Amino acid sequence: MSDVPFCTCTDHACPCHPVNHNKGCTPCIAKNLRQHEVPSCLFRAVSPDKLPEDADDWSWESFARHVQAHLG
């Protein structure tokens, strides 16, 4: 297991989460890039409160709405 103290992801069941291997953030970032998504840590850096309509949406568009809603 890898120690990534800044990881704010709460999905410890995800095989890409750093607690499940010793490769740090690389598997998570690679998965997100393949799927054209933004990692949850970046959403959480803006605000832990996602918009209800974007609860399960990790797309770039959802991230843009998240930033707009929380940072203006």
C-alpha atoms as a PDB file:
ATOM      1  CA  MET A   1       0.000   0.000   0.000  1.00  0.00           C
ATOM      2  CA  SER A   2       1.112   3.496  -0.805  1.00  0.00           C
ATOM      3  CA  ASP A   3       1.088   6.404   1.596  1.00  0.00           C
ATOM      4  CA  VAL A   4      -0.478   9.380  -0.165  1.00  0.00           C
ATOM      5  CA  PRO A   5      -1.313  11.694   2.745  1.00  0.00           C
ATOM      6  CA  PHE A   6      -2.979  14.328   0.575  1.00  0.00           C
ATOM      7  CA  CYS A   7      -5.445  11.900  -1.036  1.00  0.00           C
ATOM      8  CA  THR A   8      -8.978  13.019  -0.189  1.00  0.00           C
ATOM      9  CA  CYS A   9     -10.833  10.320  -2.102  1.00  0.00           C
ATOM     10  CA  THR A  10     -13.273   8.437   0.099  1.00  0.00           C
ATOM     11  CA  ASP A  11     -13.820   5.489  -2.275  1.00  0.00           C
ATOM     12  CA  HIS A  12     -11.425   3.010  -0.657  1.00  0.00           C
ATOM     13  CA  ALA A  13     -13.103   0.152  -2.543  1.00  0.00           C
ATOM     14  CA  CYS A  14     -11.844   1.549  -5.852  1.00  0.00           C
ATOM     15  CA  PRO A  15      -8.946  -0.573  -7.139  1.00  0.00           C
ATOM     16  CA  CYS A  16      -7.175   2.643  -8.196  1.00  0.00           C
ATOM     17  CA  HIS A  17      -7.219   4.158  -4.700  1.00  0.00           C
ATOM     18  CA  PRO A  18      -3.681   4.415  -3.269  1.00  0.00           C
ATOM     19  CA  VAL A  19      -4.594   2.298  -0.229  1.00  0.00           C
ATOM     20  CA  ASN A  20      -5.052  -0.693  -2.553  1.00  0.00           C
ATOM     21  CA  HIS A  21      -1.602  -0.788  -4.199  1.00  0.00           C
ATOM     22  CA  ASN A  22       1.857   0.780  -4.074  1.00  0.00           C
ATOM     23  CA  LYS A  23       1.690   2.932  -7.228  1.00  0.00           C
ATOM     24  CA  GLY A  24       0.487   6.183  -5.642  1.00  0.00           C
ATOM     25  CA  CYS A  25      -1.918   8.263  -7.714  1.00  0.00           C
ATOM     26  CA  THR A  26      -0.811   6.948 -11.105  1.00  0.00           C
ATOM     27  CA  PRO A  27      -3.598   4.351 -11.613  1.00  0.00           C
ATOM     28  CA  CYS A  28      -6.282   6.865 -10.604  1.00  0.00           C
ATOM     29  CA  ILE A  29      -4.992   9.619 -12.873  1.00  0.00           C
ATOM     30  CA  ALA A  30      -4.545   7.177 -15.777  1.00  0.00           C
ATOM     31  CA  LYS A  31      -8.120   5.885 -15.370  1.00  0.00           C
ATOM     32  CA  ASN A  32      -9.518   9.401 -15.238  1.00  0.00           C
ATOM     33  CA  LEU A  33      -7.586  10.485 -18.323  1.00  0.00           C
ATOM     34  CA  ARG A  34      -8.829   7.424 -20.258  1.00  0.00           C
ATOM     35  CA  GLN A  35     -12.424   8.136 -19.237  1.00  0.00           C
ATOM     36  CA  HIS A  36     -12.192  11.917 -19.790  1.00  0.00           C
ATOM     37  CA  GLU A  37     -12.933  12.546 -16.123  1.00  0.00           C
ATOM     38  CA  VAL A  38     -11.518  14.645 -13.296  1.00  0.00           C
ATOM     39  CA  PRO A  39     -10.296  12.880 -10.130  1.00  0.00           C
ATOM     40  CA  SER A  40     -12.428  13.386  -7.035  1.00  0.00           C
ATOM     41  CA  CYS A  41      -9.492  15.028  -5.231  1.00  0.00           C
ATOM     42  CA  LEU A  42      -9.714  18.005  -7.574  1.00  0.00           C
ATOM     43  CA  PHE A  43     -13.453  18.330  -6.970  1.00  0.00           C
ATOM     44  CA  ARG A  44     -12.783  18.159  -3.228  1.00  0.00           C
ATOM     45  CA  ALA A  45     -10.039  20.806  -3.509  1.00  0.00           C
ATOM     46  CA  VAL A  46     -12.727  23.225  -4.691  1.00  0.00           C
ATOM     47  CA  SER A  47     -15.452  22.006  -2.314  1.00  0.00           C
ATOM     48  CA  PRO A  48     -16.559  18.654  -0.882  1.00  0.00           C
ATOM     49  CA  ASP A  49     -20.154  19.561  -1.774  1.00  0.00           C
ATOM     50  CA  LYS A  50     -20.971  18.451  -5.300  1.00  0.00           C
ATOM     51  CA  LEU A  51     -24.075  19.760  -7.004  1.00  0.00           C
ATOM     52  CA  PRO A  52     -26.941  17.265  -6.550  1.00  0.00           C
ATOM     53  CA  GLU A  53     -27.411  16.893 -10.306  1.00  0.00           C
ATOM     54  CA  ASP A  54     -23.705  16.041 -10.686  1.00  0.00           C
ATOM     55  CA  ALA A  55     -23.450  13.606  -7.767  1.00  0.00           C
ATOM     56  CA  ASP A  56     -22.160  10.723  -9.920  1.00  0.00           C
ATOM     57  CA  ASP A  57     -20.715  12.785 -12.767  1.00  0.00           C
ATOM     58  CA  TRP A  58     -16.928  13.223 -12.796  1.00  0.00           C
ATOM     59  CA  SER A  59     -16.726  14.723 -16.307  1.00  0.00           C
ATOM     60  CA  TRP A  60     -14.815  17.863 -17.218  1.00  0.00           C
ATOM     61  CA  GLU A  61     -18.156  19.598 -17.756  1.00  0.00           C
ATOM     62  CA  SER A  62     -19.295  18.630 -14.267  1.00  0.00           C
ATOM     63  CA  PHE A  63     -16.023  19.946 -12.846  1.00  0.00           C
ATOM     64  CA  ALA A  64     -16.543  23.254 -14.666  1.00  0.00           C
ATOM     65  CA  ARG A  65     -20.043  23.557 -13.139  1.00  0.00           C
ATOM     66  CA  HIS A  66     -18.591  22.636  -9.731  1.00  0.00           C
ATOM     67  CA  VAL A  67     -15.943  25.351  -9.950  1.00  0.00           C
ATOM     68  CA  GLN A  68     -18.469  27.908 -11.167  1.00  0.00           C
ATOM     69  CA  ALA A  69     -20.917  27.069  -8.381  1.00  0.00           C
ATOM     70  CA  HIS A  70     -18.350  27.200  -5.594  1.00  0.00           C
ATOM     71  CA  LEU A  71     -15.785  29.740  -6.746  1.00  0.00           C
ATOM     72  CA  GLY A  72     -17.839  31.887  -9.129  1.00  0.00           C
END
